[in-house]
C-alpha atoms as a PDB file:
ATOM      1  CA  MET A   1     -12.067  -4.600  14.564  1.00  0.00           C
ATOM      2  CA  SER A   2     -10.794  -4.483  10.963  1.00  0.00           C
ATOM      3  CA  THR A   3      -9.304  -7.653   9.561  1.00  0.00           C
ATOM      4  CA  THR A   4      -6.413  -7.740   7.115  1.00  0.00           C
ATOM      5  CA  ARG A   5      -5.873 -10.878   5.069  1.00  0.00           C
ATOM      6  CA  ILE A   6      -2.346 -11.490   3.788  1.00  0.00           C
ATOM      7  CA  LEU A   7      -2.210 -13.314   0.465  1.00  0.00           C
ATOM      8  CA  VAL A   8       1.216 -14.793  -0.283  1.00  0.00           C
ATOM      9  CA  PHE A   9       1.708 -15.605  -3.972  1.00  0.00           C
ATOM     10  CA  ALA A  10       4.255 -18.363  -4.609  1.00  0.00           C
ATOM     11  CA  LYS A  11       5.354 -20.857  -7.236  1.00  0.00           C
ATOM     12  CA  ALA A  12       6.338 -24.394  -6.311  1.00  0.00           C
ATOM     13  CA  PRO A  13      10.127 -24.453  -5.696  1.00  0.00           C
ATOM     14  CA  VAL A  14      10.930 -26.937  -8.440  1.00  0.00           C
ATOM     15  CA  PRO A  15      14.486 -26.871  -9.872  1.00  0.00           C
ATOM     16  CA  GLY A  16      14.572 -25.393 -13.347  1.00  0.00           C
ATOM     17  CA  GLN A  17      11.086 -23.896 -13.008  1.00  0.00           C
ATOM     18  CA  VAL A  18      11.537 -21.265 -10.307  1.00  0.00           C
ATOM     19  CA  LYS A  19      14.027 -18.414  -9.858  1.00  0.00           C
ATOM     20  CA  THR A  20      15.383 -19.251 -13.299  1.00  0.00           C
ATOM     21  CA  ARG A  21      17.248 -15.939 -13.645  1.00  0.00           C
ATOM     22  CA  LEU A  22      19.351 -16.952 -10.632  1.00  0.00           C
ATOM     23  CA  ILE A  23      20.412 -20.266 -12.159  1.00  0.00           C
ATOM     24  CA  PRO A  24      23.668 -18.838 -13.623  1.00  0.00           C
ATOM     25  CA  ALA A  25      24.742 -17.904 -10.083  1.00  0.00           C
ATOM     26  CA  LEU A  26      23.203 -20.680  -7.972  1.00  0.00           C
ATOM     27  CA  GLY A  27      22.431 -23.542 -10.330  1.00  0.00           C
ATOM     28  CA  ALA A  28      18.908 -24.905 -10.800  1.00  0.00           C
ATOM     29  CA  ALA A  29      18.874 -26.773  -7.462  1.00  0.00           C
ATOM     30  CA  GLY A  30      20.366 -23.828  -5.568  1.00  0.00           C
ATOM     31  CA  ALA A  31      17.825 -21.418  -7.027  1.00  0.00           C
ATOM     32  CA  ALA A  32      15.009 -23.765  -6.006  1.00  0.00           C
ATOM     33  CA  ARG A  33      16.418 -24.081  -2.483  1.00  0.00           C
ATOM     34  CA  LEU A  34      16.500 -20.291  -2.220  1.00  0.00           C
ATOM     35  CA  ALA A  35      12.895 -20.103  -3.404  1.00  0.00           C
ATOM     36  CA  ARG A  36      11.938 -22.591  -0.675  1.00  0.00           C
ATOM     37  CA  ARG A  37      13.811 -20.590   1.993  1.00  0.00           C
ATOM     38  CA  MET A  38      12.192 -17.350   0.904  1.00  0.00           C
ATOM     39  CA  LEU A  39       8.740 -18.935   0.889  1.00  0.00           C
ATOM     40  CA  GLU A  40       9.242 -20.186   4.450  1.00  0.00           C
ATOM     41  CA  PHE A  41      10.599 -16.801   5.574  1.00  0.00           C
ATOM     42  CA  THR A  42       7.712 -14.885   4.000  1.00  0.00           C
ATOM     43  CA  LEU A  43       5.074 -17.101   5.609  1.00  0.00           C
ATOM     44  CA  GLU A  44       6.865 -16.799   8.957  1.00  0.00           C
ATOM     45  CA  GLN A  45       6.868 -12.990   8.758  1.00  0.00           C
ATOM     46  CA  ALA A  46       3.223 -12.933   7.677  1.00  0.00           C
ATOM     47  CA  ARG A  47       2.231 -15.036  10.675  1.00  0.00           C
ATOM     48  CA  MET A  48       4.384 -12.982  13.044  1.00  0.00           C
ATOM     49  CA  ALA A  49       2.726  -9.781  11.834  1.00  0.00           C
ATOM     50  CA  ASP A  50      -0.432 -11.029  13.583  1.00  0.00           C
ATOM     51  CA  ILE A  51      -2.800  -8.757  11.665  1.00  0.00           C
ATOM     52  CA  GLY A  52      -5.222 -11.345  10.322  1.00  0.00           C
ATOM     53  CA  PRO A  53      -5.496 -14.560   8.300  1.00  0.00           C
ATOM     54  CA  VAL A  54      -2.581 -15.700   6.141  1.00  0.00           C
ATOM     55  CA  GLU A  55      -3.210 -17.519   2.875  1.00  0.00           C
ATOM     56  CA  LEU A  56      -0.745 -19.171   0.509  1.00  0.00           C
ATOM     57  CA  CYS A  57      -1.889 -18.643  -3.088  1.00  0.00           C
ATOM     58  CA  ALA A  58      -0.014 -21.417  -4.825  1.00  0.00           C
ATOM     59  CA  SER A  59       0.906 -22.083  -8.440  1.00  0.00           C
ATOM     60  CA  PRO A  60       0.116 -24.797  -9.289  1.00  0.00           C
ATOM     61  CA  ALA A  61      -2.395 -25.910  -6.657  1.00  0.00           C
ATOM     62  CA  LEU A  62      -0.886 -27.598  -3.588  1.00  0.00           C
ATOM     63  CA  SER A  63      -2.456 -30.867  -4.721  1.00  0.00           C
ATOM     64  CA  ALA A  64      -0.157 -30.931  -7.773  1.00  0.00           C
ATOM     65  CA  PRO A  65       2.918 -33.209  -7.819  1.00  0.00           C
ATOM     66  CA  ASP A  66       5.208 -30.139  -7.877  1.00  0.00           C
ATOM     67  CA  TRP A  67       4.305 -29.540  -4.220  1.00  0.00           C
ATOM     68  CA  ALA A  68       4.747 -33.175  -3.130  1.00  0.00           C
ATOM     69  CA  GLY A  69       6.008 -33.332   0.441  1.00  0.00           C
ATOM     70  CA  TYR A  70       5.145 -29.733   1.280  1.00  0.00           C
ATOM     71  CA  MET A  71       2.623 -28.646   3.895  1.00  0.00           C
ATOM     72  CA  PRO A  72       1.983 -24.994   4.714  1.00  0.00           C
ATOM     73  CA  PRO A  73       2.609 -23.975   8.327  1.00  0.00           C
ATOM     74  CA  ARG A  74      -0.155 -24.508  10.826  1.00  0.00           C
ATOM     75  CA  GLY A  75      -2.806 -21.820  10.557  1.00  0.00           C
ATOM     76  CA  VAL A  76      -1.943 -20.867   6.974  1.00  0.00           C
ATOM     77  CA  ALA A  77      -4.783 -21.393   4.499  1.00  0.00           C
ATOM     78  CA  ALA A  78      -4.085 -22.426   0.921  1.00  0.00           C
ATOM     79  CA  SER A  79      -5.665 -21.679  -2.438  1.00  0.00           C
ATOM     80  CA  ASP A  80      -4.932 -22.156  -6.125  1.00  0.00           C
ATOM     81  CA  GLN A  81      -3.875 -19.066  -8.091  1.00  0.00           C
ATOM     82  CA  GLY A  82      -5.762 -20.460 -11.061  1.00  0.00           C
ATOM     83  CA  GLU A  83      -5.457 -19.521 -14.715  1.00  0.00           C
ATOM     84  CA  GLY A  84      -4.601 -16.271 -16.454  1.00  0.00           C
ATOM     85  CA  ASP A  85      -1.739 -13.802 -16.329  1.00  0.00           C
ATOM     86  CA  LEU A  86      -0.472 -12.347 -13.073  1.00  0.00           C
ATOM     87  CA  GLY A  87      -2.975  -9.510 -13.233  1.00  0.00           C
ATOM     88  CA  ALA A  88      -5.931 -11.846 -13.589  1.00  0.00           C
ATOM     89  CA  ARG A  89      -4.707 -13.980 -10.687  1.00  0.00           C
ATOM     90  CA  LEU A  90      -4.068 -10.981  -8.423  1.00  0.00           C
ATOM     91  CA  ALA A  91      -7.422  -9.433  -9.281  1.00  0.00           C
ATOM     92  CA  ARG A  92      -9.353 -12.627  -8.655  1.00  0.00           C
ATOM     93  CA  ALA A  93      -7.661 -13.272  -5.302  1.00  0.00           C
ATOM     94  CA  SER A  94      -7.924  -9.696  -4.029  1.00  0.00           C
ATOM     95  CA  GLN A  95     -11.575  -9.401  -4.983  1.00  0.00           C
ATOM     96  CA  ARG A  96     -12.331 -12.668  -3.218  1.00  0.00           C
ATOM     97  CA  ALA A  97     -10.396 -11.612  -0.106  1.00  0.00           C
ATOM     98  CA  LEU A  98     -12.076  -8.207   0.108  1.00  0.00           C
ATOM     99  CA  ALA A  99     -15.498  -9.848  -0.036  1.00  0.00           C
ATOM    100  CA  LEU A 100     -14.703 -11.522   3.303  1.00  0.00           C
ATOM    101  CA  ASN A 101     -12.190  -9.148   4.920  1.00  0.00           C
ATOM    102  CA  ASP A 102     -11.884  -5.399   5.371  1.00  0.00           C
ATOM    103  CA  ARG A 103      -8.389  -5.189   3.852  1.00  0.00           C
ATOM    104  CA  VAL A 104      -5.931  -7.311   1.911  1.00  0.00           C
ATOM    105  CA  LEU A 105      -2.153  -7.312   1.516  1.00  0.00           C
ATOM    106  CA  LEU A 106      -0.866  -8.945  -1.666  1.00  0.00           C
ATOM    107  CA  ILE A 107       2.761 -10.036  -1.388  1.00  0.00           C
ATOM    108  CA  GLY A 108       5.195 -12.327  -3.141  1.00  0.00           C
ATOM    109  CA  THR A 109       8.128 -14.283  -1.737  1.00  0.00           C
ATOM    110  CA  ASP A 110      10.960 -12.452  -3.507  1.00  0.00           C
ATOM    111  CA  CYS A 111      11.522  -9.641  -0.998  1.00  0.00           C
ATOM    112  CA  PRO A 112      13.393 -10.354   2.272  1.00  0.00           C
ATOM    113  CA  GLY A 113      12.730  -6.754   3.345  1.00  0.00           C
ATOM    114  CA  LEU A 114       9.049  -7.492   3.937  1.00  0.00           C
ATOM    115  CA  SER A 115       9.379  -8.014   7.669  1.00  0.00           C
ATOM    116  CA  ALA A 116       6.527  -8.517  10.106  1.00  0.00           C
ATOM    117  CA  LEU A 117       6.976  -4.893  11.198  1.00  0.00           C
ATOM    118  CA  ARG A 118       6.619  -3.593   7.632  1.00  0.00           C
ATOM    119  CA  LEU A 119       3.511  -5.734   7.126  1.00  0.00           C
ATOM    120  CA  ARG A 120       1.972  -4.305  10.303  1.00  0.00           C
ATOM    121  CA  LYS A 121       2.777  -0.735   9.205  1.00  0.00           C
ATOM    122  CA  ALA A 122       1.248  -1.331   5.792  1.00  0.00           C
ATOM    123  CA  ALA A 123      -1.932  -2.729   7.313  1.00  0.00           C
ATOM    124  CA  ALA A 124      -2.158   0.206   9.734  1.00  0.00           C
ATOM    125  CA  ALA A 125      -1.763   2.659   6.856  1.00  0.00           C
ATOM    126  CA  LEU A 126      -4.950   1.235   5.337  1.00  0.00           C
ATOM    127  CA  ASP A 127      -6.857   2.784   8.253  1.00  0.00           C
ATOM    128  CA  CYS A 128      -6.752   6.113   6.411  1.00  0.00           C
ATOM    129  CA  ASN A 129      -5.849   5.161   2.819  1.00  0.00           C
ATOM    130  CA  GLU A 130      -7.557   3.168   0.092  1.00  0.00           C
ATOM    131  CA  ALA A 131      -4.266   1.571  -0.889  1.00  0.00           C
ATOM    132  CA  VAL A 132      -0.669   1.056   0.201  1.00  0.00           C
ATOM    133  CA  ILE A 133       2.328   0.058  -1.890  1.00  0.00           C
ATOM    134  CA  HIS A 134       5.996  -0.777  -1.374  1.00  0.00           C
ATOM    135  CA  PRO A 135       7.806  -0.113  -4.664  1.00  0.00           C
ATOM    136  CA  ALA A 136      10.703  -2.344  -5.660  1.00  0.00           C
ATOM    137  CA  LEU A 137      14.120  -1.211  -6.834  1.00  0.00           C
ATOM    138  CA  ASP A 138      13.415  -2.852 -10.197  1.00  0.00           C
ATOM    139  CA  GLY A 139      10.219  -0.875 -10.754  1.00  0.00           C
ATOM    140  CA  GLY A 140       7.714  -3.491  -9.634  1.00  0.00           C
ATOM    141  CA  TYR A 141       6.198  -3.850  -6.189  1.00  0.00           C
ATOM    142  CA  PRO A 142       6.631  -6.566  -3.526  1.00  0.00           C
ATOM    143  CA  LEU A 143       3.533  -5.417  -1.619  1.00  0.00           C
ATOM    144  CA  LEU A 144       0.185  -3.971  -2.613  1.00  0.00           C
ATOM    145  CA  GLY A 145      -2.446  -3.378   0.041  1.00  0.00           C
ATOM    146  CA  LEU A 146      -6.074  -2.571  -0.712  1.00  0.00           C
ATOM    147  CA  ARG A 147      -9.167  -1.497   1.152  1.00  0.00           C
ATOM    148  CA  ALA A 148     -11.152  -1.322  -2.073  1.00  0.00           C
ATOM    149  CA  PHE A 149     -11.017  -3.176  -5.373  1.00  0.00           C
ATOM    150  CA  HIS A 150     -10.764  -1.784  -8.884  1.00  0.00           C
ATOM    151  CA  PRO A 151      -9.891  -3.872 -11.972  1.00  0.00           C
ATOM    152  CA  SER A 152      -7.785  -1.104 -13.550  1.00  0.00           C
ATOM    153  CA  LEU A 153      -4.982  -1.913 -11.094  1.00  0.00           C
ATOM    154  CA  PHE A 154      -4.492  -5.317 -12.710  1.00  0.00           C
ATOM    155  CA  THR A 155      -5.676  -5.225 -16.330  1.00  0.00           C
ATOM    156  CA  ASP A 156      -3.394  -4.418 -19.281  1.00  0.00           C
ATOM    157  CA  MET A 157      -0.390  -4.101 -16.947  1.00  0.00           C
ATOM    158  CA  PRO A 158       3.078  -4.710 -18.442  1.00  0.00           C
ATOM    159  CA  TRP A 159       4.154  -7.142 -15.736  1.00  0.00           C
ATOM    160  CA  SER A 160       7.872  -7.740 -15.146  1.00  0.00           C
ATOM    161  CA  THR A 161       8.808  -4.323 -16.504  1.00  0.00           C
ATOM    162  CA  PRO A 162      10.255  -1.265 -14.682  1.00  0.00           C
ATOM    163  CA  VAL A 163       7.000   0.725 -14.982  1.00  0.00           C
ATOM    164  CA  VAL A 164       4.632  -1.479 -12.977  1.00  0.00           C
ATOM    165  CA  ALA A 165       4.760   0.469  -9.690  1.00  0.00           C
ATOM    166  CA  ASP A 166       4.582   3.895 -11.358  1.00  0.00           C
ATOM    167  CA  LEU A 167       1.706   2.844 -13.596  1.00  0.00           C
ATOM    168  CA  THR A 168      -0.154   1.351 -10.635  1.00  0.00           C
ATOM    169  CA  LEU A 169       0.282   4.615  -8.707  1.00  0.00           C
ATOM    170  CA  ALA A 170      -0.916   6.615 -11.719  1.00  0.00           C
ATOM    171  CA  ARG A 171      -4.047   4.491 -11.966  1.00  0.00           C
ATOM    172  CA  MET A 172      -4.719   4.958  -8.247  1.00  0.00           C
ATOM    173  CA  GLN A 173      -4.348   8.708  -8.725  1.00  0.00           C
ATOM    174  CA  ALA A 174      -6.884   8.552 -11.543  1.00  0.00           C
ATOM    175  CA  LEU A 175      -9.267   6.842  -9.101  1.00  0.00           C
ATOM    176  CA  GLU A 176      -8.645   9.719  -6.669  1.00  0.00           C
ATOM    177  CA  TRP A 177      -7.535   7.274  -4.008  1.00  0.00           C
ATOM    178  CA  CYS A 178      -5.420   8.194  -1.015  1.00  0.00           C
ATOM    179  CA  VAL A 179      -2.274   6.058  -1.200  1.00  0.00           C
ATOM    180  CA  TRP A 180       0.501   5.398   1.319  1.00  0.00           C
ATOM    181  CA  VAL A 181       3.848   4.694  -0.330  1.00  0.00           C
ATOM    182  CA  GLY A 182       6.339   2.712   1.744  1.00  0.00           C
ATOM    183  CA  ASP A 183      10.072   2.195   1.449  1.00  0.00           C
ATOM    184  CA  GLU A 184      11.584   1.079  -1.840  1.00  0.00           C
ATOM    185  CA  LEU A 185      12.684  -2.533  -1.332  1.00  0.00           C
ATOM    186  CA  ALA A 186      14.832  -5.060  -3.156  1.00  0.00           C
ATOM    187  CA  ASP A 187      13.491  -8.203  -4.813  1.00  0.00           C
ATOM    188  CA  ILE A 188      15.873 -11.133  -5.291  1.00  0.00           C
ATOM    189  CA  ASP A 189      15.475 -11.952  -8.974  1.00  0.00           C
ATOM    190  CA  GLU A 190      18.854 -11.504 -10.679  1.00  0.00           C
ATOM    191  CA  PRO A 191      22.389 -12.535  -9.632  1.00  0.00           C
ATOM    192  CA  ALA A 192      23.198  -8.874  -8.878  1.00  0.00           C
ATOM    193  CA  ASP A 193      20.317  -8.834  -6.362  1.00  0.00           C
ATOM    194  CA  LEU A 194      21.994 -11.452  -4.168  1.00  0.00           C
ATOM    195  CA  ILE A 195      23.897  -8.646  -2.428  1.00  0.00           C
ATOM    196  CA  HIS A 196      20.579  -7.819  -0.726  1.00  0.00           C
ATOM    197  CA  LEU A 197      20.040 -11.401   0.517  1.00  0.00           C
ATOM    198  CA  PRO A 198      20.386 -11.756   4.307  1.00  0.00           C
ATOM    199  CA  ALA A 199      22.854 -14.426   5.427  1.00  0.00           C
ATOM    200  CA  HIS A 200      20.158 -16.500   7.122  1.00  0.00           C
ATOM    201  CA  LEU A 201      18.389 -17.015   3.794  1.00  0.00           C
ATOM    202  CA  VAL A 202      21.426 -18.228   1.855  1.00  0.00           C
ATOM    203  CA  PRO A 203      20.604 -21.842   0.895  1.00  0.00           C
ATOM    204  CA  ASP A 204      23.003 -24.599   1.826  1.00  0.00           C
ATOM    205  CA  ALA A 205      23.697 -27.582  -0.352  1.00  0.00           C
ATOM    206  CA  GLN A 206      22.079 -30.054   2.041  1.00  0.00           C
ATOM    207  CA  THR A 207      18.643 -28.411   2.219  1.00  0.00           C
ATOM    208  CA  HIS A 208      16.334 -29.550  -0.562  1.00  0.00           C
ATOM    209  CA  PHE A 209      12.662 -29.815  -1.361  1.00  0.00           C
ATOM    210  CA  GLN A 210      11.337 -33.312  -0.737  1.00  0.00           C
ATOM    211  CA  GLY A 211      11.308 -35.197  -3.998  1.00  0.00           C
ATOM    212  CA  GLU A 212      13.950 -32.999  -5.624  1.00  0.00           C
ATOM    213  CA  GLU A 213      16.381 -35.875  -6.050  1.00  0.00           C
ATOM    214  CA  SER A 214      13.886 -37.744  -8.196  1.00  0.00           C
ATOM    215  CA  ARG A 215      13.330 -34.876 -10.652  1.00  0.00           C
END
């Protein structure tokens, strides 16, 4: 039976260092609380998908003080994203995962639309495609699934620009890969994106990351 490893890329939810573009709307502490909620939600959906191992790829490593007081859910492995730009970190993690698993799903924690059902559908689509992708409304992608690795998908990529998904698809076409393209989904990055945030993820003032009060 094919195994699909889900790699969840996340930054430590430290006020002033995460979700900074949301600070004008939520404040530094509120943006960090939202990051924490979205991390928990993403890991929950990944586990509920029940398609294979789930791994939290953390930045910095979970041993760093920024993660003090946090433990990943039971059954979730953890690794350090390491050095380099986003492309280098994604490439390194996906190559490592594909050496031990048949397929890999690379996801972040910014997209509440990545439900367990969507993760299962993406993994199933890899049965007959080399790659799967969910484009984002802002031109990036909240999910990239691979059955094969190629460095061109990650090198010299203008990350955080509106052309990332289209350029990734163009490079897959150049590789003559079969690609399944899923629904276009919303990331929560800017204040205007908060309209897409489900009510159950809205952070309350009392919920905070352990150690936040001392920062």
